PDB file of N, CA and C in Angstrom:
ATOM      1  N   MET A   1       0.847  -1.168   0.000  1.00  0.00           N
ATOM      2  CA  MET A   1       0.000   0.000   0.000  1.00  0.00           C
ATOM      3  C   MET A   1       0.898   1.238   0.000  1.00  0.00           C
ATOM      4  N   ALA A   2       0.620   2.197  -0.829  1.00  0.00           N
ATOM      5  CA  ALA A   2       1.421   3.407  -0.962  1.00  0.00           C
ATOM      6  C   ALA A   2       1.027   4.427   0.099  1.00  0.00           C
ATOM      7  N   SER A   3       2.007   5.285   0.469  1.00  0.00           N
ATOM      8  CA  SER A   3       1.693   6.325   1.454  1.00  0.00           C
ATOM      9  C   SER A   3       0.908   7.441   0.778  1.00  0.00           C
ATOM     10  N   ARG A   4       0.164   8.148   1.539  1.00  0.00           N
ATOM     11  CA  ARG A   4      -0.729   9.167   1.013  1.00  0.00           C
ATOM     12  C   ARG A   4       0.002  10.459   0.651  1.00  0.00           C
ATOM     13  N   GLY A   5       1.163  10.715   1.231  1.00  0.00           N
ATOM     14  CA  GLY A   5       1.838  11.986   0.983  1.00  0.00           C
ATOM     15  C   GLY A   5       1.258  13.079   1.860  1.00  0.00           C
ATOM     16  N   THR A   6       1.422  14.298   1.441  1.00  0.00           N
ATOM     17  CA  THR A   6       0.916  15.405   2.246  1.00  0.00           C
ATOM     18  C   THR A   6      -0.553  15.638   1.941  1.00  0.00           C
ATOM     19  N   THR A   7      -1.236  16.094   2.943  1.00  0.00           N
ATOM     20  CA  THR A   7      -2.660  16.388   2.787  1.00  0.00           C
ATOM     21  C   THR A   7      -2.850  17.849   2.466  1.00  0.00           C
ATOM     22  N   PHE A   8      -4.033  18.167   1.940  1.00  0.00           N
ATOM     23  CA  PHE A   8      -4.312  19.559   1.621  1.00  0.00           C
ATOM     24  C   PHE A   8      -4.308  20.424   2.881  1.00  0.00           C
ATOM     25  N   GLY A   9      -4.740  19.852   3.980  1.00  0.00           N
ATOM     26  CA  GLY A   9      -4.736  20.591   5.242  1.00  0.00           C
ATOM     27  C   GLY A   9      -3.325  20.966   5.661  1.00  0.00           C
ATOM     28  N   LYS A  10      -2.406  20.034   5.495  1.00  0.00           N
ATOM     29  CA  LYS A  10      -1.019  20.306   5.845  1.00  0.00           C
ATOM     30  C   LYS A  10      -0.430  21.367   4.922  1.00  0.00           C
ATOM     31  N   LEU A  11      -0.722  21.268   3.645  1.00  0.00           N
ATOM     32  CA  LEU A  11      -0.238  22.282   2.697  1.00  0.00           C
ATOM     33  C   LEU A  11      -0.786  23.663   3.031  1.00  0.00           C
ATOM     34  N   ASP A  12      -2.065  23.727   3.396  1.00  0.00           N
ATOM     35  CA  ASP A  12      -2.666  25.002   3.784  1.00  0.00           C
ATOM     36  C   ASP A  12      -1.993  25.579   5.019  1.00  0.00           C
ATOM     37  N   ARG A  13      -1.721  24.720   6.013  1.00  0.00           N
ATOM     38  CA  ARG A  13      -1.062  25.194   7.231  1.00  0.00           C
ATOM     39  C   ARG A  13       0.331  25.724   6.921  1.00  0.00           C
ATOM     40  N   GLU A  14       1.057  25.047   6.065  1.00  0.00           N
ATOM     41  CA  GLU A  14       2.395  25.501   5.686  1.00  0.00           C
ATOM     42  C   GLU A  14       2.345  26.837   4.948  1.00  0.00           C
ATOM     43  N   ARG A  15       1.375  26.988   4.027  1.00  0.00           N
ATOM     44  CA  ARG A  15       1.217  28.256   3.309  1.00  0.00           C
ATOM     45  C   ARG A  15       0.868  29.386   4.270  1.00  0.00           C
ATOM     46  N   ASP A  16      -0.038  29.095   5.213  1.00  0.00           N
ATOM     47  CA  ASP A  16      -0.416  30.109   6.203  1.00  0.00           C
ATOM     48  C   ASP A  16       0.774  30.500   7.065  1.00  0.00           C
ATOM     49  N   LYS A  17       1.566  29.513   7.424  1.00  0.00           N
ATOM     50  CA  LYS A  17       2.749  29.771   8.255  1.00  0.00           C
ATOM     51  C   LYS A  17       3.740  30.666   7.514  1.00  0.00           C
ATOM     52  N   LYS A  18       3.974  30.377   6.240  1.00  0.00           N
ATOM     53  CA  LYS A  18       4.880  31.199   5.436  1.00  0.00           C
ATOM     54  C   LYS A  18       4.337  32.610   5.253  1.00  0.00           C
ATOM     55  N   ALA A  19       3.029  32.718   5.021  1.00  0.00           N
ATOM     56  CA  ALA A  19       2.416  34.037   4.840  1.00  0.00           C
ATOM     57  C   ALA A  19       2.523  34.855   6.122  1.00  0.00           C
ATOM     58  N   LYS A  20       2.321  34.216   7.252  1.00  0.00           N
ATOM     59  CA  LYS A  20       2.410  34.906   8.546  1.00  0.00           C
ATOM     60  C   LYS A  20       3.840  35.375   8.797  1.00  0.00           C
ATOM     61  N   ALA A  21       4.820  34.523   8.470  1.00  0.00           N
ATOM     62  CA  ALA A  21       6.226  34.901   8.650  1.00  0.00           C
ATOM     63  C   ALA A  21       6.584  36.076   7.738  1.00  0.00           C
ATOM     64  N   GLN A  22       6.093  36.059   6.509  1.00  0.00           N
ATOM     65  CA  GLN A  22       6.350  37.145   5.567  1.00  0.00           C
ATOM     66  C   GLN A  22       5.731  38.447   6.069  1.00  0.00           C
ATOM     67  N   ALA A  23       4.508  38.372   6.605  1.00  0.00           N
ATOM     68  CA  ALA A  23       3.836  39.558   7.133  1.00  0.00           C
ATOM     69  C   ALA A  23       4.618  40.138   8.312  1.00  0.00           C
ATOM     70  N   LYS A  24       5.129  39.270   9.198  1.00  0.00           N
ATOM     71  CA  LYS A  24       5.925  39.736  10.326  1.00  0.00           C
ATOM     72  C   LYS A  24       7.184  40.442   9.853  1.00  0.00           C
ATOM     73  N   GLN A  25       7.832  39.842   8.852  1.00  0.00           N
ATOM     74  CA  GLN A  25       9.064  40.425   8.336  1.00  0.00           C
ATOM     75  C   GLN A  25       8.803  41.802   7.724  1.00  0.00           C
ATOM     76  N   GLU A  26       7.716  41.931   6.965  1.00  0.00           N
ATOM     77  CA  GLU A  26       7.365  43.219   6.365  1.00  0.00           C
ATOM     78  C   GLU A  26       7.025  44.251   7.438  1.00  0.00           C
ATOM     79  N   LYS A  27       6.332  43.809   8.486  1.00  0.00           N
ATOM     80  CA  LYS A  27       5.963  44.718   9.575  1.00  0.00           C
ATOM     81  C   LYS A  27       7.211  45.228  10.290  1.00  0.00           C
ATOM     82  N   ARG A  28       8.168  44.329  10.539  1.00  0.00           N
ATOM     83  CA  ARG A  28       9.422  44.739  11.184  1.00  0.00           C
ATOM     84  C   ARG A  28      10.199  45.708  10.311  1.00  0.00           C
ATOM     85  N   ALA A  29      10.238  45.454   9.021  1.00  0.00           N
ATOM     86  CA  ALA A  29      10.953  46.333   8.103  1.00  0.00           C
ATOM     87  C   ALA A  29      10.305  47.712   8.070  1.00  0.00           C
ATOM     88  N   ALA A  30       8.973  47.753   8.061  1.00  0.00           N
ATOM     89  CA  ALA A  30       8.265  49.038   8.052  1.00  0.00           C
ATOM     90  C   ALA A  30       8.515  49.796   9.344  1.00  0.00           C
ATOM     91  N   ARG A  31       8.530  49.072  10.458  1.00  0.00           N
ATOM     92  CA  ARG A  31       8.773  49.712  11.753  1.00  0.00           C
ATOM     93  C   ARG A  31      10.198  50.267  11.816  1.00  0.00           C
ATOM     94  N   ALA A  32      11.147  49.543  11.266  1.00  0.00           N
ATOM     95  CA  ALA A  32      12.543  49.991  11.271  1.00  0.00           C
ATOM     96  C   ALA A  32      12.713  51.246  10.429  1.00  0.00           C
ATOM     97  N   GLU A  33      11.935  51.384   9.365  1.00  0.00           N
ATOM     98  CA  GLU A  33      12.027  52.561   8.509  1.00  0.00           C
ATOM     99  C   GLU A  33      11.435  53.796   9.179  1.00  0.00           C
ATOM    100  N   THR A  34      10.447  53.608  10.053  1.00  0.00           N
ATOM    101  CA  THR A  34       9.772  54.743  10.663  1.00  0.00           C
ATOM    102  C   THR A  34      10.403  55.210  11.960  1.00  0.00           C
ATOM    103  N   VAL A  35      11.513  54.607  12.360  1.00  0.00           N
ATOM    104  CA  VAL A  35      12.188  55.024  13.585  1.00  0.00           C
ATOM    105  C   VAL A  35      12.668  56.458  13.401  1.00  0.00           C
ATOM    106  N   ASP A  36      12.330  57.292  14.357  1.00  0.00           N
ATOM    107  CA  ASP A  36      12.731  58.693  14.285  1.00  0.00           C
ATOM    108  C   ASP A  36      14.240  58.818  14.395  1.00  0.00           C
ATOM    109  N   VAL A  37      14.790  59.618  13.546  1.00  0.00           N
ATOM    110  CA  VAL A  37      16.223  59.876  13.588  1.00  0.00           C
ATOM    111  C   VAL A  37      16.451  61.024  14.553  1.00  0.00           C
ATOM    112  N   VAL A  38      17.239  60.769  15.569  1.00  0.00           N
ATOM    113  CA  VAL A  38      17.519  61.788  16.575  1.00  0.00           C
ATOM    114  C   VAL A  38      18.602  62.709  16.031  1.00  0.00           C
ATOM    115  N   GLU A  39      18.313  63.969  16.119  1.00  0.00           N
ATOM    116  CA  GLU A  39      19.277  64.958  15.653  1.00  0.00           C
ATOM    117  C   GLU A  39      20.444  64.992  16.630  1.00  0.00           C
ATOM    118  N   THR A  40      21.632  64.817  16.125  1.00  0.00           N
ATOM    119  CA  THR A  40      22.794  64.798  16.997  1.00  0.00           C
ATOM    120  C   THR A  40      23.495  66.143  16.957  1.00  0.00           C
ATOM    121  N   VAL A  41      23.774  66.642  18.120  1.00  0.00           N
ATOM    122  CA  VAL A  41      24.489  67.894  18.276  1.00  0.00           C
ATOM    123  C   VAL A  41      25.722  67.583  19.115  1.00  0.00           C
ATOM    124  N   GLN A  42      26.871  67.919  18.591  1.00  0.00           N
ATOM    125  CA  GLN A  42      28.106  67.643  19.315  1.00  0.00           C
ATOM    126  C   GLN A  42      28.320  68.713  20.381  1.00  0.00           C
ATOM    127  N   LEU A  43      28.464  68.260  21.603  1.00  0.00           N
ATOM    128  CA  LEU A  43      28.758  69.167  22.705  1.00  0.00           C
ATOM    129  C   LEU A  43      30.265  69.250  22.868  1.00  0.00           C
ATOM    130  N   SER A  44      30.704  70.442  23.197  1.00  0.00           N
ATOM    131  CA  SER A  44      32.131  70.580  23.468  1.00  0.00           C
ATOM    132  C   SER A  44      32.420  69.962  24.831  1.00  0.00           C
ATOM    133  N   PRO A  45      33.661  69.590  25.074  1.00  0.00           N
ATOM    134  CA  PRO A  45      33.996  69.003  26.386  1.00  0.00           C
ATOM    135  C   PRO A  45      33.642  69.924  27.553  1.00  0.00           C
ATOM    136  N   SER A  46      33.784  71.232  27.369  1.00  0.00           N
ATOM    137  CA  SER A  46      33.451  72.151  28.467  1.00  0.00           C
ATOM    138  C   SER A  46      31.950  72.166  28.728  1.00  0.00           C
ATOM    139  N   GLU A  47      31.134  72.040  27.666  1.00  0.00           N
ATOM    140  CA  GLU A  47      29.681  71.995  27.865  1.00  0.00           C
ATOM    141  C   GLU A  47      29.279  70.716  28.585  1.00  0.00           C
ATOM    142  N   GLU A  48      29.904  69.596  28.212  1.00  0.00           N
ATOM    143  CA  GLU A  48      29.624  68.333  28.897  1.00  0.00           C
ATOM    144  C   GLU A  48      30.003  68.417  30.366  1.00  0.00           C
ATOM    145  N   GLU A  49      31.147  69.023  30.649  1.00  0.00           N
ATOM    146  CA  GLU A  49      31.584  69.171  32.038  1.00  0.00           C
ATOM    147  C   GLU A  49      30.609  70.021  32.834  1.00  0.00           C
ATOM    148  N   LYS A  50      30.082  71.082  32.215  1.00  0.00           N
ATOM    149  CA  LYS A  50      29.102  71.939  32.897  1.00  0.00           C
ATOM    150  C   LYS A  50      27.832  71.156  33.218  1.00  0.00           C
ATOM    151  N   ILE A  51      27.385  70.362  32.257  1.00  0.00           N
ATOM    152  CA  ILE A  51      26.174  69.576  32.484  1.00  0.00           C
ATOM    153  C   ILE A  51      26.412  68.540  33.578  1.00  0.00           C
ATOM    154  N   LEU A  52      27.546  67.872  33.526  1.00  0.00           N
ATOM    155  CA  LEU A  52      27.861  66.883  34.556  1.00  0.00           C
ATOM    156  C   LEU A  52      28.013  67.524  35.928  1.00  0.00           C
ATOM    157  N   ALA A  53      28.592  68.726  35.972  1.00  0.00           N
ATOM    158  CA  ALA A  53      28.718  69.438  37.248  1.00  0.00           C
ATOM    159  C   ALA A  53      27.335  69.806  37.787  1.00  0.00           C
ATOM    160  N   SER A  54      26.448  70.260  36.895  1.00  0.00           N
ATOM    161  CA  SER A  54      25.082  70.593  37.314  1.00  0.00           C
ATOM    162  C   SER A  54      24.370  69.350  37.838  1.00  0.00           C
ATOM    163  N   LEU A  55      24.604  68.234  37.177  1.00  0.00           N
ATOM    164  CA  LEU A  55      23.985  66.983  37.609  1.00  0.00           C
ATOM    165  C   LEU A  55      24.514  66.573  38.984  1.00  0.00           C
ATOM    166  N   SER A  56      25.794  66.749  39.196  1.00  0.00           N
ATOM    167  CA  SER A  56      26.397  66.426  40.483  1.00  0.00           C
ATOM    168  C   SER A  56      25.835  67.324  41.584  1.00  0.00           C
ATOM    169  N   GLN A  57      25.705  68.610  41.293  1.00  0.00           N
ATOM    170  CA  GLN A  57      25.146  69.551  42.270  1.00  0.00           C
ATOM    171  C   GLN A  57      23.693  69.205  42.583  1.00  0.00           C
ATOM    172  N   LEU A  58      22.967  68.791  41.558  1.00  0.00           N
ATOM    173  CA  LEU A  58      21.572  68.415  41.751  1.00  0.00           C
ATOM    174  C   LEU A  58      21.463  67.206  42.680  1.00  0.00           C
ATOM    175  N   HIS A  59      22.311  66.215  42.477  1.00  0.00           N
ATOM    176  CA  HIS A  59      22.318  65.045  43.347  1.00  0.00           C
ATOM    177  C   HIS A  59      22.671  65.426  44.782  1.00  0.00           C
ATOM    178  N   ALA A  60      23.644  66.307  44.936  1.00  0.00           N
ATOM    179  CA  ALA A  60      24.035  66.746  46.279  1.00  0.00           C
ATOM    180  C   ALA A  60      22.887  67.491  46.961  1.00  0.00           C
ATOM    181  N   ALA A  61      22.208  68.349  46.206  1.00  0.00           N
ATOM    182  CA  ALA A  61      21.083  69.096  46.772  1.00  0.00           C
ATOM    183  C   ALA A  61      19.955  68.155  47.171  1.00  0.00           C
ATOM    184  N   TYR A  62      19.715  67.134  46.385  1.00  0.00           N
ATOM    185  CA  TYR A  62      18.665  66.169  46.725  1.00  0.00           C
ATOM    186  C   TYR A  62      19.033  65.386  47.984  1.00  0.00           C
ATOM    187  N   GLU A  63      20.304  64.984  48.087  1.00  0.00           N
ATOM    188  CA  GLU A  63      20.742  64.247  49.268  1.00  0.00           C
ATOM    189  C   GLU A  63      20.650  65.102  50.527  1.00  0.00           C
ATOM    190  N   GLN A  64      20.864  66.410  50.390  1.00  0.00           N
ATOM    191  CA  GLN A  64      20.769  67.318  51.532  1.00  0.00           C
ATOM    192  C   GLN A  64      19.314  67.630  51.876  1.00  0.00           C
ATOM    193  N   GLY A  65      18.418  67.343  50.959  1.00  0.00           N
ATOM    194  CA  GLY A  65      17.001  67.585  51.206  1.00  0.00           C
ATOM    195  C   GLY A  65      16.529  68.956  50.782  1.00  0.00           C
ATOM    196  N   THR A  66      17.325  69.702  50.032  1.00  0.00           N
ATOM    197  CA  THR A  66      16.920  71.039  49.602  1.00  0.00           C
ATOM    198  C   THR A  66      16.113  71.014  48.304  1.00  0.00           C
ATOM    199  N   VAL A  67      16.045  69.858  47.643  1.00  0.00           N
ATOM    200  CA  VAL A  67      15.292  69.723  46.396  1.00  0.00           C
ATOM    201  C   VAL A  67      14.300  68.579  46.572  1.00  0.00           C
ATOM    202  N   SER A  68      13.053  68.821  46.170  1.00  0.00           N
ATOM    203  CA  SER A  68      12.040  67.775  46.284  1.00  0.00           C
ATOM    204  C   SER A  68      12.284  66.689  45.237  1.00  0.00           C
ATOM    205  N   LEU A  69      11.687  65.548  45.457  1.00  0.00           N
ATOM    206  CA  LEU A  69      11.856  64.425  44.544  1.00  0.00           C
ATOM    207  C   LEU A  69      11.339  64.767  43.140  1.00  0.00           C
ATOM    208  N   ASP A  70      10.189  65.426  43.056  1.00  0.00           N
ATOM    209  CA  ASP A  70       9.626  65.787  41.753  1.00  0.00           C
ATOM    210  C   ASP A  70      10.537  66.738  40.999  1.00  0.00           C
ATOM    211  N   ASP A  71      11.046  67.755  41.703  1.00  0.00           N
ATOM    212  CA  ASP A  71      11.963  68.706  41.065  1.00  0.00           C
ATOM    213  C   ASP A  71      13.263  68.018  40.658  1.00  0.00           C
ATOM    214  N   PHE A  72      13.745  67.134  41.511  1.00  0.00           N
ATOM    215  CA  PHE A  72      14.974  66.397  41.217  1.00  0.00           C
ATOM    216  C   PHE A  72      14.827  65.570  39.945  1.00  0.00           C
ATOM    217  N   GLU A  73      13.731  64.809  39.858  1.00  0.00           N
ATOM    218  CA  GLU A  73      13.522  63.950  38.689  1.00  0.00           C
ATOM    219  C   GLU A  73      13.350  64.756  37.408  1.00  0.00           C
ATOM    220  N   ALA A  74      12.636  65.877  37.504  1.00  0.00           N
ATOM    221  CA  ALA A  74      12.422  66.708  36.315  1.00  0.00           C
ATOM    222  C   ALA A  74      13.731  67.317  35.831  1.00  0.00           C
ATOM    223  N   ARG A  75      14.488  67.872  36.750  1.00  0.00           N
ATOM    224  CA  ARG A  75      15.766  68.505  36.386  1.00  0.00           C
ATOM    225  C   ARG A  75      16.779  67.467  35.893  1.00  0.00           C
ATOM    226  N   ARG A  76      16.799  66.293  36.531  1.00  0.00           N
ATOM    227  CA  ARG A  76      17.704  65.229  36.115  1.00  0.00           C
ATOM    228  C   ARG A  76      17.359  64.769  34.697  1.00  0.00           C
ATOM    229  N   ALA A  77      16.074  64.666  34.387  1.00  0.00           N
ATOM    230  CA  ALA A  77      15.652  64.260  33.044  1.00  0.00           C
ATOM    231  C   ALA A  77      16.113  65.284  32.007  1.00  0.00           C
ATOM    232  N   GLU A  78      16.015  66.564  32.331  1.00  0.00           N
ATOM    233  CA  GLU A  78      16.475  67.611  31.414  1.00  0.00           C
ATOM    234  C   GLU A  78      17.978  67.500  31.157  1.00  0.00           C
ATOM    235  N   LEU A  79      18.734  67.337  32.227  1.00  0.00           N
ATOM    236  CA  LEU A  79      20.196  67.285  32.092  1.00  0.00           C
ATOM    237  C   LEU A  79      20.654  66.031  31.348  1.00  0.00           C
ATOM    238  N   THR A  80      20.050  64.896  31.662  1.00  0.00           N
ATOM    239  CA  THR A  80      20.473  63.678  30.974  1.00  0.00           C
ATOM    240  C   THR A  80      20.051  63.702  29.509  1.00  0.00           C
ATOM    241  N   ALA A  81      18.934  64.364  29.192  1.00  0.00           N
ATOM    242  CA  ALA A  81      18.521  64.499  27.795  1.00  0.00           C
ATOM    243  C   ALA A  81      19.541  65.324  27.021  1.00  0.00           C
ATOM    244  N   LYS A  82      20.068  66.354  27.651  1.00  0.00           N
ATOM    245  CA  LYS A  82      21.086  67.165  26.993  1.00  0.00           C
ATOM    246  C   LYS A  82      22.340  66.345  26.721  1.00  0.00           C
ATOM    247  N   LEU A  83      22.686  65.464  27.645  1.00  0.00           N
ATOM    248  CA  LEU A  83      23.857  64.624  27.457  1.00  0.00           C
ATOM    249  C   LEU A  83      23.632  63.590  26.353  1.00  0.00           C
ATOM    250  N   GLN A  84      22.429  63.057  26.258  1.00  0.00           N
ATOM    251  CA  GLN A  84      22.138  62.042  25.255  1.00  0.00           C
ATOM    252  C   GLN A  84      22.104  62.631  23.856  1.00  0.00           C
ATOM    253  N   ILE A  85      21.710  63.863  23.731  1.00  0.00           N
ATOM    254  CA  ILE A  85      21.686  64.522  22.420  1.00  0.00           C
ATOM    255  C   ILE A  85      23.106  64.733  21.936  1.00  0.00           C
ATOM    256  N   GLY A  86      23.986  65.068  22.827  1.00  0.00           N
ATOM    257  CA  GLY A  86      25.361  65.362  22.456  1.00  0.00           C
ATOM    258  C   GLY A  86      26.173  64.187  22.299  1.00  0.00           C
TER     259      GLY A  86
END
């Protein structure tokens, strides 16, 4: 008795699997194309030092209790954003 080979159901599942993989690949490629390009601005070493000094002072002020947690987090986010751009 001969074997039946592949069934139509199996072929359909394989086609669906390939189509799903292709759709995922296209979706990833589209997402990679739409990633925002961050504008890079080169900071001079003295500007970086000023930002780092401000960040250090901010940490010291928070540890001393002269700056609230909300103000600390907001100011820290601003300073670190400036460093990440540069």
